[in-house]
Protein backbone atom coordinates (compact mmCIF):
# COMPACT_ATOMS: atom_id res chain seq x y z
CA MET A 1 14.21 -29.00 -3.42
CA SER A 2 15.75 -28.95 0.33
CA THR A 3 15.72 -25.78 2.71
CA SER A 4 19.13 -25.00 1.71
CA GLU A 5 18.69 -25.35 -1.71
CA ALA A 6 15.69 -22.79 -1.30
CA THR A 7 17.18 -20.90 0.65
CA GLU A 8 20.25 -20.29 -1.91
CA THR A 9 17.85 -20.12 -4.92
CA PHE A 10 16.22 -17.25 -3.01
CA ARG A 11 19.31 -15.76 -2.12
CA THR A 12 20.95 -15.69 -5.43
CA ALA A 13 18.03 -13.54 -6.76
CA ARG A 14 17.87 -11.47 -4.19
CA ASP A 15 21.56 -10.79 -4.54
CA LEU A 16 21.28 -9.89 -8.15
CA LEU A 17 18.99 -7.19 -7.84
CA LEU A 18 21.13 -5.95 -4.91
CA ASP A 19 23.79 -5.83 -7.22
CA LEU A 20 22.01 -4.30 -9.94
CA ARG A 21 19.96 -1.80 -8.19
CA THR A 22 21.06 1.45 -10.11
CA ASP A 23 21.40 -0.98 -13.49
CA TYR A 24 17.68 -0.86 -14.32
CA ALA A 25 18.37 -2.15 -18.00
CA GLU A 26 20.66 -5.08 -16.78
CA ALA A 27 18.27 -6.10 -14.15
CA LEU A 28 15.34 -6.45 -15.99
CA ARG A 29 17.25 -8.24 -18.91
CA ARG A 30 18.90 -10.92 -16.10
CA TYR A 31 16.68 -11.27 -13.48
CA ARG A 32 14.50 -13.86 -13.06
CA PRO A 33 11.81 -14.80 -10.10
CA PRO A 34 12.50 -17.63 -8.28
CA ARG A 35 9.89 -20.56 -8.63
CA PRO A 36 10.73 -22.94 -6.24
CA GLU A 37 8.71 -25.88 -5.63
CA HIS A 38 9.07 -25.75 -1.86
CA PHE A 39 9.57 -22.48 -0.10
CA ASN A 40 8.69 -21.04 3.09
CA TRP A 41 9.82 -18.03 3.52
CA ALA A 42 9.59 -17.80 8.14
CA LEU A 43 11.92 -20.84 7.81
CA ASP A 44 13.93 -20.43 4.83
CA TRP A 45 14.69 -17.17 4.59
CA PHE A 46 14.07 -15.40 7.68
CA ASP A 47 15.61 -18.09 9.80
CA ALA A 48 18.45 -17.76 7.54
CA LEU A 49 19.33 -14.27 7.96
CA ALA A 50 18.95 -14.82 11.64
CA ARG A 51 22.02 -17.37 11.82
CA GLU A 52 23.86 -15.28 9.25
CA GLN A 53 23.25 -11.60 11.37
CA PRO A 54 21.70 -12.81 14.81
CA ASP A 55 22.53 -9.52 16.50
CA THR A 56 20.98 -7.40 13.73
CA VAL A 57 18.03 -5.48 14.76
CA ALA A 58 15.16 -6.91 13.18
CA LEU A 59 12.21 -4.78 14.40
CA TRP A 60 12.59 -1.18 16.06
CA ILE A 61 8.93 -0.13 17.23
CA VAL A 62 9.18 3.53 18.72
CA GLU A 63 6.45 5.12 20.57
CA GLU A 64 5.00 7.94 20.77
CA ASP A 65 6.19 8.74 24.35
CA GLY A 66 10.01 8.29 23.16
CA SER A 67 9.96 4.84 24.41
CA GLU A 68 10.93 1.96 22.39
CA SER A 69 11.83 -1.75 21.84
CA ARG A 70 14.08 -3.38 19.65
CA THR A 71 14.01 -7.47 18.72
CA THR A 72 16.89 -9.02 16.85
CA PHE A 73 16.53 -11.23 13.77
CA ALA A 74 17.86 -14.27 16.25
CA GLU A 75 15.16 -12.87 19.30
CA MET A 76 12.25 -13.03 16.67
CA SER A 77 13.29 -16.19 15.09
CA ALA A 78 13.18 -17.89 18.38
CA ARG A 79 10.54 -16.12 19.74
CA SER A 80 8.33 -16.80 16.46
CA ALA A 81 9.20 -20.99 16.66
CA GLN A 82 7.81 -20.62 19.90
CA VAL A 83 4.65 -19.00 19.11
CA ALA A 84 4.30 -21.40 16.29
CA GLY A 85 4.72 -24.51 18.75
CA TRP A 86 2.23 -22.95 21.00
CA LEU A 87 -0.46 -21.94 18.48
CA GLN A 88 0.23 -25.86 17.27
CA SER A 89 -1.05 -26.86 20.45
CA GLU A 90 -3.78 -24.78 20.86
CA GLY A 91 -5.50 -26.59 17.68
CA VAL A 92 -4.21 -24.28 14.72
CA ASP A 93 -3.23 -26.59 11.63
CA ARG A 94 -1.81 -25.93 8.91
CA GLY A 95 -3.98 -24.34 6.10
CA ASP A 96 -6.27 -23.25 9.12
CA ARG A 97 -7.28 -19.31 8.70
CA ILE A 98 -6.20 -16.53 11.06
CA LEU A 99 -8.07 -13.62 11.23
CA LEU A 100 -5.17 -10.96 12.65
CA VAL A 101 -6.53 -7.56 14.18
CA LEU A 102 -3.36 -6.16 15.86
CA ASP A 103 -1.65 -2.84 15.86
CA ASN A 104 1.96 -2.00 14.92
CA GLN A 105 3.50 -4.05 17.94
CA LEU A 106 5.82 -6.92 18.13
CA GLU A 107 3.38 -9.42 18.76
CA LEU A 108 2.06 -8.74 15.13
CA TRP A 109 5.44 -10.21 13.59
CA GLU A 110 5.69 -12.60 15.95
CA VAL A 111 2.29 -14.25 14.75
CA MET A 112 2.57 -13.82 11.12
CA LEU A 113 5.98 -15.47 11.04
CA ALA A 114 4.91 -18.23 13.43
CA ALA A 115 1.88 -18.31 10.89
CA ILE A 116 4.17 -18.68 7.76
CA GLU A 117 6.07 -21.39 9.54
CA LEU A 118 2.97 -23.13 10.28
CA GLY A 119 1.47 -23.10 6.87
CA ALA A 120 -1.66 -21.21 8.10
CA VAL A 121 -3.60 -18.86 6.28
CA VAL A 122 -3.26 -15.14 7.41
CA ILE A 123 -5.95 -12.41 7.09
CA PRO A 124 -4.60 -9.55 8.16
CA ALA A 125 -7.45 -6.70 9.33
CA THR A 126 -7.36 -3.22 10.71
CA THR A 127 -8.05 -2.62 14.21
CA LEU A 128 -10.43 0.37 12.70
CA LEU A 129 -13.21 -1.89 11.80
CA GLY A 130 -16.46 -2.29 13.77
CA PRO A 131 -18.37 -5.26 14.39
CA ALA A 132 -20.25 -5.94 11.59
CA ASP A 133 -17.09 -5.82 9.48
CA LEU A 134 -15.24 -8.15 11.90
CA ALA A 135 -18.26 -10.42 11.35
CA ASP A 136 -18.09 -10.15 7.77
CA ARG A 137 -13.94 -11.13 7.82
CA VAL A 138 -15.12 -13.93 9.95
CA HIS A 139 -17.79 -15.64 7.85
CA ARG A 140 -16.56 -14.94 4.29
CA GLY A 141 -13.08 -15.68 5.32
CA HIS A 142 -14.12 -19.30 6.82
CA VAL A 143 -12.01 -17.77 10.26
CA ARG A 144 -11.06 -20.91 12.66
CA HIS A 145 -8.85 -18.63 14.62
CA VAL A 146 -8.78 -14.81 16.16
CA VAL A 147 -5.80 -12.62 17.37
CA THR A 148 -6.49 -9.66 18.30
CA GLY A 149 -5.63 -6.98 21.16
CA SER A 150 -7.70 -7.55 24.61
CA GLU A 151 -9.01 -4.19 24.28
CA ASN A 152 -11.00 -5.21 20.67
CA THR A 153 -12.48 -8.51 22.30
CA PRO A 154 -15.81 -6.79 22.95
CA ARG A 155 -16.13 -6.18 18.99
CA PHE A 156 -16.52 -9.69 18.57
CA ALA A 157 -18.95 -10.32 21.21
CA GLU A 158 -21.85 -10.96 18.85
CA VAL A 159 -19.42 -12.43 16.04
CA ALA A 160 -20.97 -16.08 15.72
CA GLY A 161 -18.66 -19.33 14.52
CA ASP A 162 -17.01 -22.00 15.98
CA TRP A 163 -13.44 -20.31 16.53
CA THR A 164 -10.40 -20.10 19.03
CA ARG A 165 -10.09 -17.14 20.68
CA ILE A 166 -6.72 -15.17 21.49
CA ALA A 167 -6.40 -12.14 23.07
CA VAL A 168 -2.83 -10.06 23.12
CA GLY A 169 -2.87 -8.28 26.71
CA PRO A 170 -4.76 -8.49 29.94
CA PRO A 171 -6.58 -11.80 30.61
CA VAL A 172 -10.16 -11.54 29.00
CA GLN A 173 -12.81 -14.38 30.01
CA GLY A 174 -13.63 -16.73 27.32
CA TRP A 175 -10.19 -15.87 25.46
CA LEU A 176 -6.77 -17.81 25.45
CA ARG A 177 -3.79 -15.59 27.06
CA TYR A 178 -1.63 -14.74 24.17
CA ASP A 179 1.21 -14.11 27.02
CA ASP A 180 1.16 -17.98 27.48
CA SER A 181 2.93 -18.89 24.62
CA ALA A 182 5.82 -17.32 26.53
CA GLN A 183 5.98 -20.35 28.87
CA PHE A 184 5.25 -22.42 26.30
CA LEU A 185 8.31 -25.24 26.53
CA GLY A 186 7.91 -27.66 23.41
CA SER A 187 9.02 -27.21 20.16
CA PHE A 188 7.70 -26.81 16.76
CA THR A 189 8.47 -29.01 14.06
CA PRO A 190 6.98 -28.49 10.34
CA GLU A 191 5.21 -31.75 9.59
CA VAL A 192 5.96 -31.66 5.54
CA ALA A 193 7.54 -28.78 3.53
CA THR A 194 5.86 -26.26 2.22
CA ARG A 195 5.11 -26.11 -0.99
CA SER A 196 4.90 -22.49 -2.93
CA ASP A 197 1.64 -22.63 -3.95
CA GLU A 198 0.25 -22.91 -0.91
CA THR A 199 -2.11 -19.98 0.15
CA LEU A 200 -0.65 -17.58 2.71
CA LEU A 201 -2.10 -14.49 3.03
CA LEU A 202 -6.35 -13.50 2.46
CA TYR A 203 -6.76 -9.92 1.72
CA PHE A 204 -9.82 -7.87 1.81
CA THR A 205 -9.49 -5.28 -0.64
CA SER A 206 -10.23 -1.31 1.09
CA GLY A 207 -13.31 -1.26 -1.01
CA THR A 208 -13.29 2.52 -2.78
CA THR A 209 -16.11 1.30 -4.93
CA ALA A 210 -17.76 -2.18 -3.92
CA LEU A 211 -17.94 -4.55 -1.49
CA PRO A 212 -13.90 -6.08 -0.55
CA LYS A 213 -12.91 -8.49 -2.58
CA LEU A 214 -11.10 -11.18 -1.05
CA VAL A 215 -7.52 -11.56 -2.82
CA GLU A 216 -4.96 -14.59 -2.44
CA HIS A 217 -1.90 -15.04 -2.23
CA THR A 218 0.57 -17.61 -2.01
CA HIS A 219 4.17 -18.75 -0.08
CA LEU A 220 5.71 -17.49 -3.40
CA SER A 221 3.55 -14.56 -4.47
CA TYR A 222 4.31 -12.10 -1.42
CA PRO A 223 7.36 -13.24 -0.31
CA VAL A 224 9.36 -13.78 -3.61
CA GLY A 225 7.08 -11.35 -5.68
CA HIS A 226 8.31 -8.68 -3.01
CA LEU A 227 11.79 -8.58 -4.35
CA SER A 228 10.40 -6.43 -7.41
CA THR A 229 9.52 -4.06 -4.05
CA MET A 230 12.83 -4.17 -2.40
CA TYR A 231 14.11 -3.18 -5.91
CA TRP A 232 11.88 -0.26 -6.21
CA ILE A 233 12.73 1.16 -3.20
CA GLY A 234 16.46 0.27 -2.92
CA ILE A 235 16.43 -1.21 0.59
CA GLN A 236 20.16 -2.43 1.12
CA PRO A 237 21.38 -4.77 4.19
CA GLY A 238 21.78 -2.68 7.26
CA ASP A 239 19.38 -0.48 6.09
CA VAL A 240 16.62 1.28 8.92
CA HIS A 241 13.61 1.35 6.55
CA LEU A 242 10.36 3.11 7.71
CA ASN A 243 7.46 2.82 6.20
CA VAL A 244 4.03 4.75 7.30
CA SER A 245 1.45 2.17 6.89
CA SER A 246 -1.83 0.83 8.84
CA PRO A 247 -1.37 -3.17 9.97
CA GLY A 248 -4.41 -4.68 7.79
CA TRP A 249 -3.54 -3.60 4.80
CA ALA A 250 -1.55 -4.90 2.00
CA LYS A 251 0.95 -2.43 1.92
CA HIS A 252 2.12 -2.79 5.78
CA ALA A 253 2.83 -6.68 4.28
CA TRP A 254 4.94 -4.40 1.33
CA SER A 255 6.97 -2.56 3.39
CA ASN A 256 6.85 -3.83 6.69
CA LEU A 257 7.57 -7.09 6.34
CA PHE A 258 8.46 -8.69 3.24
CA ALA A 259 10.66 -6.40 1.34
CA PRO A 260 12.82 -4.94 4.19
CA TRP A 261 13.31 -8.53 5.59
CA ASP A 262 14.31 -9.48 1.87
CA ALA A 263 17.28 -7.31 2.56
CA GLY A 264 18.38 -8.31 5.74
CA ALA A 265 17.22 -4.65 6.60
CA THR A 266 15.75 -3.26 9.93
CA VAL A 267 12.18 -2.42 10.07
CA LEU A 268 11.53 0.79 12.10
CA VAL A 269 7.86 1.45 13.02
CA PHE A 270 6.72 4.71 14.69
CA ASN A 271 3.57 4.47 16.79
CA TYR A 272 1.53 7.39 17.08
CA GLN A 273 -2.22 8.55 18.28
CA ARG A 274 -2.54 11.17 15.82
CA PHE A 275 0.05 11.85 12.78
CA ALA A 276 1.98 15.35 13.41
CA ALA A 277 5.08 15.65 10.70
CA PRO A 278 7.26 17.54 13.47
CA ALA A 279 7.46 14.25 15.37
CA MET A 280 7.83 12.11 12.50
CA LEU A 281 10.38 13.97 10.76
CA ASP A 282 12.36 13.88 14.94
CA VAL A 283 12.33 10.17 14.36
CA VAL A 284 13.60 10.04 10.96
CA GLN A 285 16.60 12.18 12.51
CA ARG A 286 16.74 10.58 15.58
CA CYS A 287 16.44 6.78 14.56
CA GLY A 288 18.94 7.41 11.31
CA VAL A 289 16.03 6.30 9.03
CA THR A 290 18.10 5.80 5.13
CA THR A 291 14.92 4.02 3.38
CA PHE A 292 11.71 6.09 3.79
CA CYS A 293 8.06 5.00 2.61
CA ALA A 294 5.01 7.05 2.64
CA PRO A 295 1.96 7.69 0.80
CA PRO A 296 0.90 11.20 -0.79
CA THR A 297 -0.96 12.20 2.11
CA VAL A 298 1.89 12.35 4.99
CA TRP A 299 4.48 13.83 2.12
CA ARG A 300 1.86 16.76 1.48
CA MET A 301 2.09 17.23 5.57
CA LEU A 302 6.00 16.86 5.48
CA VAL A 303 6.19 19.87 2.83
CA GLN A 304 4.51 22.02 4.92
CA GLU A 305 7.18 21.88 7.41
CA ASP A 306 10.70 23.70 7.00
CA LEU A 307 12.27 20.30 6.48
CA PRO A 308 15.82 21.42 5.96
CA THR A 309 15.86 21.95 9.77
CA TRP A 310 15.73 18.10 10.01
CA GLN A 311 19.45 16.95 9.03
CA THR A 312 18.50 13.10 7.98
CA GLN A 313 20.46 10.22 7.02
CA LEU A 314 17.81 9.59 4.52
CA ARG A 315 19.27 7.95 0.96
CA GLU A 316 16.06 6.83 -0.81
CA VAL A 317 12.46 8.33 -0.24
CA VAL A 318 9.37 6.94 -1.89
CA ALA A 319 5.78 7.67 -2.21
CA ALA A 320 3.00 4.76 -2.86
CA GLY A 321 -0.67 4.50 -2.30
CA GLU A 322 -2.13 6.73 -4.68
CA PRO A 323 0.34 8.91 -7.63
CA LEU A 324 2.27 11.88 -6.19
CA ASN A 325 1.99 15.61 -7.38
CA PRO A 326 5.06 17.02 -9.17
CA GLU A 327 5.39 20.13 -7.01
CA VAL A 328 5.81 17.88 -3.64
CA ILE A 329 8.53 16.25 -5.54
CA GLU A 330 10.02 19.10 -6.03
CA GLN A 331 9.64 20.78 -2.60
CA VAL A 332 11.31 17.85 -1.17
CA ARG A 333 14.23 17.95 -3.85
CA SER A 334 14.65 21.42 -2.82
CA ALA A 335 14.94 21.06 0.76
CA TRP A 336 16.93 17.80 1.03
CA GLY A 337 18.29 16.90 -2.53
CA LEU A 338 16.16 14.17 -2.50
CA THR A 339 13.92 12.99 -5.47
CA VAL A 340 10.54 11.20 -3.68
CA ARG A 341 10.39 8.28 -6.21
CA ASP A 342 6.71 7.11 -7.10
CA GLY A 343 5.51 3.48 -7.70
CA PHE A 344 2.67 2.02 -8.26
CA GLY A 345 1.11 -1.82 -7.49
CA GLN A 346 -2.15 -3.15 -5.67
CA THR A 347 -3.17 -5.36 -3.07
CA GLU A 348 -3.32 -8.28 -5.87
CA THR A 349 0.33 -7.49 -6.62
CA THR A 350 3.55 -6.34 -5.68
CA ALA A 351 5.27 -3.40 -7.19
CA GLN A 352 4.52 -3.60 -10.69
CA VAL A 353 5.90 -0.06 -11.85
CA GLY A 354 7.98 2.27 -10.37
CA ASN A 355 11.76 5.05 -10.75
CA PRO A 356 14.17 2.66 -9.06
CA PRO A 357 17.23 4.22 -7.68
CA GLY A 358 19.35 6.14 -9.96
CA GLN A 359 17.56 6.07 -13.14
CA PRO A 360 16.35 9.32 -14.75
CA LEU A 361 12.98 10.80 -14.02
CA LYS A 362 9.92 12.44 -15.85
CA PRO A 363 8.06 14.62 -14.10
CA GLY A 364 4.42 13.26 -13.68
CA SER A 365 5.70 9.57 -14.56
CA MET A 366 5.48 6.58 -11.74
CA GLY A 367 8.36 4.83 -13.97
CA ARG A 368 8.74 1.78 -15.90
CA PRO A 369 7.89 -1.85 -15.25
CA LEU A 370 10.10 -3.56 -12.71
CA PRO A 371 11.95 -6.69 -12.48
CA GLY A 372 9.65 -9.41 -13.08
CA TYR A 373 6.71 -7.69 -14.71
CA ARG A 374 5.74 -7.36 -18.36
CA VAL A 375 3.24 -4.42 -18.43
CA GLU A 376 0.99 -3.70 -21.34
CA LEU A 377 -1.03 -0.44 -21.74
CA ILE A 378 -4.46 -2.29 -22.94
CA ASP A 379 -7.13 -0.28 -25.25
CA VAL A 380 -10.22 -0.39 -23.57
CA VAL A 381 -12.09 -0.52 -26.71
CA THR A 382 -9.83 -2.60 -28.58
CA GLY A 383 -8.68 -4.72 -26.77
CA GLU A 384 -5.10 -4.13 -28.29
CA PRO A 385 -2.08 -3.07 -26.84
CA GLY A 386 -1.06 0.71 -27.31
CA ALA A 387 0.75 4.18 -25.67
CA GLU A 388 -2.23 4.31 -23.84
CA GLY A 389 -5.13 2.22 -21.80
CA GLU A 390 -5.47 0.09 -18.69
CA ILE A 391 -2.65 -1.21 -17.12
CA CYS A 392 -2.71 -4.78 -17.48
CA LEU A 393 -0.27 -7.68 -16.56
CA ALA A 394 1.00 -10.25 -19.49
CA LEU A 395 0.17 -13.55 -18.00
CA SER A 396 2.50 -15.64 -20.67
CA PRO A 397 5.21 -16.59 -21.37
CA GLU A 398 5.35 -17.39 -17.72
CA ARG A 399 2.68 -16.17 -15.19
CA PRO A 400 4.17 -12.89 -12.94
CA VAL A 401 5.57 -14.24 -9.69
CA GLY A 402 4.14 -11.25 -7.64
CA LEU A 403 0.19 -11.43 -9.26
CA MET A 404 -2.31 -12.75 -7.03
CA VAL A 405 -3.83 -16.24 -6.84
CA GLY A 406 -7.60 -14.54 -7.71
CA TYR A 407 -10.00 -13.74 -5.62
CA ARG A 408 -11.11 -16.43 -3.43
CA ASP A 409 -14.54 -17.75 -3.51
CA ASP A 410 -15.17 -15.66 -6.69
CA PRO A 411 -14.31 -17.23 -9.69
CA ALA A 412 -16.43 -14.85 -12.37
CA ARG A 413 -14.59 -11.78 -10.82
CA THR A 414 -11.57 -13.74 -11.06
CA ASP A 415 -12.08 -14.62 -14.88
CA GLU A 416 -12.99 -11.27 -15.47
CA ALA A 417 -9.73 -9.71 -14.22
CA MET A 418 -7.70 -12.26 -16.05
CA ARG A 419 -9.78 -11.94 -19.19
CA GLY A 420 -7.89 -12.05 -22.47
CA GLY A 421 -4.43 -13.18 -21.34
CA TYR A 422 -3.95 -10.52 -18.99
CA TYR A 423 -4.47 -9.55 -15.79
CA HIS A 424 -6.69 -5.80 -15.64
CA THR A 425 -5.67 -3.76 -13.15
CA GLY A 426 -8.57 -1.29 -13.14
CA ASP A 427 -6.35 1.80 -13.62
CA VAL A 428 -5.62 3.70 -16.75
CA ALA A 429 -2.34 5.25 -17.56
CA GLY A 430 -0.34 6.05 -20.71
CA ARG A 431 3.67 5.37 -22.18
CA ASP A 432 6.02 7.33 -23.52
CA ASP A 433 8.29 6.27 -26.20
CA ASP A 434 10.82 5.88 -23.43
CA GLY A 435 8.99 3.42 -21.96
CA TYR A 436 8.02 5.58 -18.90
CA ILE A 437 4.17 5.16 -17.85
CA THR A 438 2.30 7.77 -16.71
CA TYR A 439 -0.71 7.53 -14.43
CA VAL A 440 -4.37 8.50 -15.85
CA GLY A 441 -6.55 7.34 -13.28
CA ARG A 442 -9.15 4.68 -12.10
CA SER A 443 -10.91 3.66 -15.09
CA ASP A 444 -14.21 4.32 -13.03
CA ASP A 445 -12.61 7.92 -12.12
CA VAL A 446 -11.97 9.14 -16.01
CA PHE A 447 -14.67 11.11 -17.14
CA LYS A 448 -15.77 13.23 -20.30
CA ALA A 449 -16.55 16.55 -19.81
CA SER A 450 -17.72 18.48 -23.29
CA ASP A 451 -16.40 15.12 -24.74
CA TYR A 452 -13.06 15.57 -23.74
CA ARG A 453 -11.79 12.54 -21.52
CA ILE A 454 -10.52 14.07 -18.48
CA SER A 455 -8.60 12.51 -15.66
CA PRO A 456 -9.03 13.53 -12.05
CA PHE A 457 -5.29 12.97 -11.04
CA GLU A 458 -4.06 15.80 -13.71
CA LEU A 459 -6.30 18.08 -12.62
CA GLU A 460 -5.84 17.32 -8.67
CA SER A 461 -2.13 17.55 -9.55
CA ALA A 462 -2.22 21.12 -10.59
CA LEU A 463 -4.81 22.02 -7.64
CA VAL A 464 -2.93 20.86 -5.21
CA GLU A 465 0.27 23.26 -6.32
CA HIS A 466 -1.35 26.18 -5.24
CA PRO A 467 -0.15 26.77 -1.52
CA ALA A 468 -4.08 26.92 -0.17
CA VAL A 469 -4.49 23.26 -1.32
CA ALA A 470 -3.52 20.43 1.18
CA GLU A 471 -5.78 18.11 -0.77
CA ALA A 472 -8.00 17.54 -4.09
CA ALA A 473 -10.63 15.39 -5.42
CA VAL A 474 -12.07 15.98 -8.60
CA VAL A 475 -15.07 14.33 -9.78
CA PRO A 476 -17.59 15.43 -12.80
CA ALA A 477 -20.70 17.65 -11.64
CA PRO A 478 -23.72 17.23 -14.04
CA ASP A 479 -24.25 20.58 -16.24
CA PRO A 480 -27.10 21.39 -18.57
CA VAL A 481 -24.81 22.50 -21.20
CA ARG A 482 -21.40 20.22 -21.10
CA THR A 483 -23.31 17.26 -19.52
CA ALA A 484 -20.57 17.12 -17.00
CA VAL A 485 -18.05 19.73 -15.57
CA PRO A 486 -14.84 19.03 -13.59
CA LYS A 487 -15.70 19.72 -10.07
CA ALA A 488 -13.19 20.23 -7.26
CA TYR A 489 -13.36 18.89 -3.79
CA VAL A 490 -10.50 20.77 -2.05
CA VAL A 491 -9.20 20.72 1.98
CA LEU A 492 -7.54 23.56 2.82
CA ALA A 493 -4.06 24.32 4.10
CA ALA A 494 -3.59 25.42 7.56
CA GLY A 495 -4.35 29.55 7.67
CA TRP A 496 -6.64 29.54 4.62
CA GLN A 497 -10.32 30.76 5.13
CA PRO A 498 -12.98 28.68 3.21
CA ASP A 499 -14.29 31.86 1.78
CA ARG A 500 -15.03 33.55 -1.61
CA GLU A 501 -11.50 35.06 -1.68
CA THR A 502 -9.49 31.60 -1.03
CA ALA A 503 -11.87 30.23 -4.10
CA LEU A 504 -11.16 32.79 -6.38
CA ALA A 505 -7.17 32.38 -5.46
CA ILE A 506 -7.51 28.58 -6.41
CA LEU A 507 -9.66 28.88 -9.66
CA ARG A 508 -7.52 31.28 -11.05
CA HIS A 509 -4.54 29.53 -10.40
CA ALA A 510 -6.18 26.28 -11.92
CA ARG A 511 -7.13 28.83 -14.98
CA ALA A 512 -3.71 29.41 -15.20
CA THR A 513 -1.91 26.14 -15.56
CA LEU A 514 -4.83 24.14 -17.04
CA ALA A 515 -6.03 23.76 -20.58
CA PRO A 516 -9.52 25.26 -21.57
CA TYR A 517 -11.56 22.19 -21.36
CA LYS A 518 -9.94 21.18 -18.54
CA ARG A 519 -10.78 23.70 -16.39
CA VAL A 520 -11.82 23.45 -13.12
CA ARG A 521 -15.24 25.09 -13.19
CA ARG A 522 -17.06 24.19 -9.58
CA LEU A 523 -15.32 23.91 -6.31
CA GLU A 524 -16.33 23.13 -2.47
CA PHE A 525 -14.46 22.92 0.60
CA ALA A 526 -15.12 20.02 2.20
CA GLU A 527 -13.54 16.78 4.33
CA LEU A 528 -12.58 13.78 1.62
CA PRO A 529 -14.18 10.82 2.16
CA LYS A 530 -11.88 8.07 2.61
CA THR A 531 -11.52 4.39 2.93
CA VAL A 532 -10.37 3.49 6.73
CA SER A 533 -7.07 2.88 4.71
CA GLY A 534 -6.43 6.41 3.35
CA LYS A 535 -7.54 6.18 -0.08
CA ILE A 536 -10.07 8.97 -1.49
CA ARG A 537 -13.60 7.74 -2.09
CA ARG A 538 -14.01 9.62 -5.24
CA VAL A 539 -17.01 7.05 -5.49
CA ASP A 540 -18.97 8.78 -3.12
CA LEU A 541 -18.28 11.82 -4.32
CA ARG A 542 -19.72 10.93 -7.99
CA ALA A 543 -22.83 9.45 -5.96
CA GLN A 544 -23.24 12.94 -4.14
CA GLU A 545 -23.21 15.15 -7.28
CA THR A 546 -25.59 12.65 -8.78
CA GLN A 547 -28.03 12.88 -5.99
CA ARG A 548 -28.00 16.31 -5.63
CA SER A 549 -30.84 18.05 -7.61
CA THR A 550 -30.40 20.38 -10.33
CA GLY A 551 -28.98 23.77 -9.97
CA SER A 552 -28.74 22.94 -6.13
CA ARG A 553 -25.54 24.92 -4.38
CA GLU A 554 -24.25 23.94 -1.37
CA PRO A 555 -22.98 26.31 1.37
CA GLN A 556 -19.15 26.19 0.72
CA GLU A 557 -19.40 25.74 -2.75
CA TYR A 558 -18.39 28.10 -5.74
CA ARG A 559 -18.78 28.14 -9.50
CA GLU A 560 -16.71 30.23 -12.48
CA GLU A 561 -19.78 31.85 -13.35
CA ASP A 562 -19.80 33.60 -9.63
CA PHE A 563 -16.41 35.38 -10.09
CA PRO A 564 -16.67 38.12 -13.15
CA GLU A 565 -13.08 38.62 -12.19
CA LEU A 566 -12.25 35.23 -14.52
CA ARG A 567 -14.03 36.11 -17.14
CA GLY A 568 -12.54 37.27 -20.71
């Protein structure tokens, strides 16, 4: 298939989803992800957009001090080709692995596009990683080249290996200057057409339960697969899309690269040292953001502000990363008349399940399977599809385009994930008669108390409805009578004190809103352990509870039996 044919095949699929963005049933029936033999998203799609809408802003970066930069599609196309030629002249070959460790800065997008053009493999990584984590990624990722900010280079001082060093920023001894690429006068022409099954991205997962796995994606799985993400968010050509996500994680590629540029929209980035809800809302208003995606943690902070104060142009608002609590959704709807639509996916996939625009929502549900995916809930005991079970993706009659190849260099883990004709997500959910899927929790987070199965997310959703609770994580605490009881670790909202009175108010609220067998029976005020990508590490809290001696009590821990007021 020629470049123009690949471009038009992709465009046809994209335009179908844009045309049917509020007709879920028809989109599900008619959409078939394109599967061209050869496809290079940067050359076949981004450069085509640059020719068609050269003056449209592709990337808009706003800094905390109010300064900003805007780069058009034409400028980005020309610059990425120049960077590709320079990297090639410095020894970057097709299939070479590039560890990319940059903040939200123009050079990040330049290198991503250049690497795609070259057929190089990108391993994105957060700038928060320390020397040991960087060494692990260089070693396990078989890295040939590293691109990072000059300020990060000292962390690589003890990282062994024969790899090219490229520093973005002031000169660093022993490192190539990325700025020299601006003087490169040669041209870049791909030597051979890019096969769609060639490796494009290798992502180290965030590691909520174990050593990070190395997830492999191709020139097909993420660039084409994220048409489902574009559809879920509801991004349209000409939109200004703001996504709150850090570089190095898959969600950054989801919503700061592929989904918005699949649509031909502007990617807006707001850089800040420390998150402040008013500053974020100011940017949403001033920059005319039309589509906005943020993790639940950010939404929970935003709703603590007087949202109607900000007059926005928002049309679509979504949440991803972890399920969003219904109380937060209602607060946003009340303030702006907009419904925050939940979605579900993983580093291993694109958006699998979601509430697309214009569809009826059900409280607590994360939606229905998105176009391009066939989702089954597989009973963990019988292995049969049912109304409740592990969220799995059917691998036949056609393998989902947006699904990873597997876990690189780990065939046993890959086989385990792909067993029985399904990809197993490790997440548990229930499905109602209308096909709506409601998240229960990670299979290793769900626990039993008094022989009842407990979903941490359900209890956490009830807890955050109380104004004192900013965040909560529920885990089993050992109990001599019930084997285990639900215990909540709580982060308080501003203005509340971690004392007996607050604990009583929260436990009383939980008692009034949850069935007796689901009651939170212990509560501890504490910070929540999280991965560097912001996901709660319940595994750490579970281990902490297991390791504590029987009968021991933490200074800020409260239990039902402490409150005579709760009896009866």
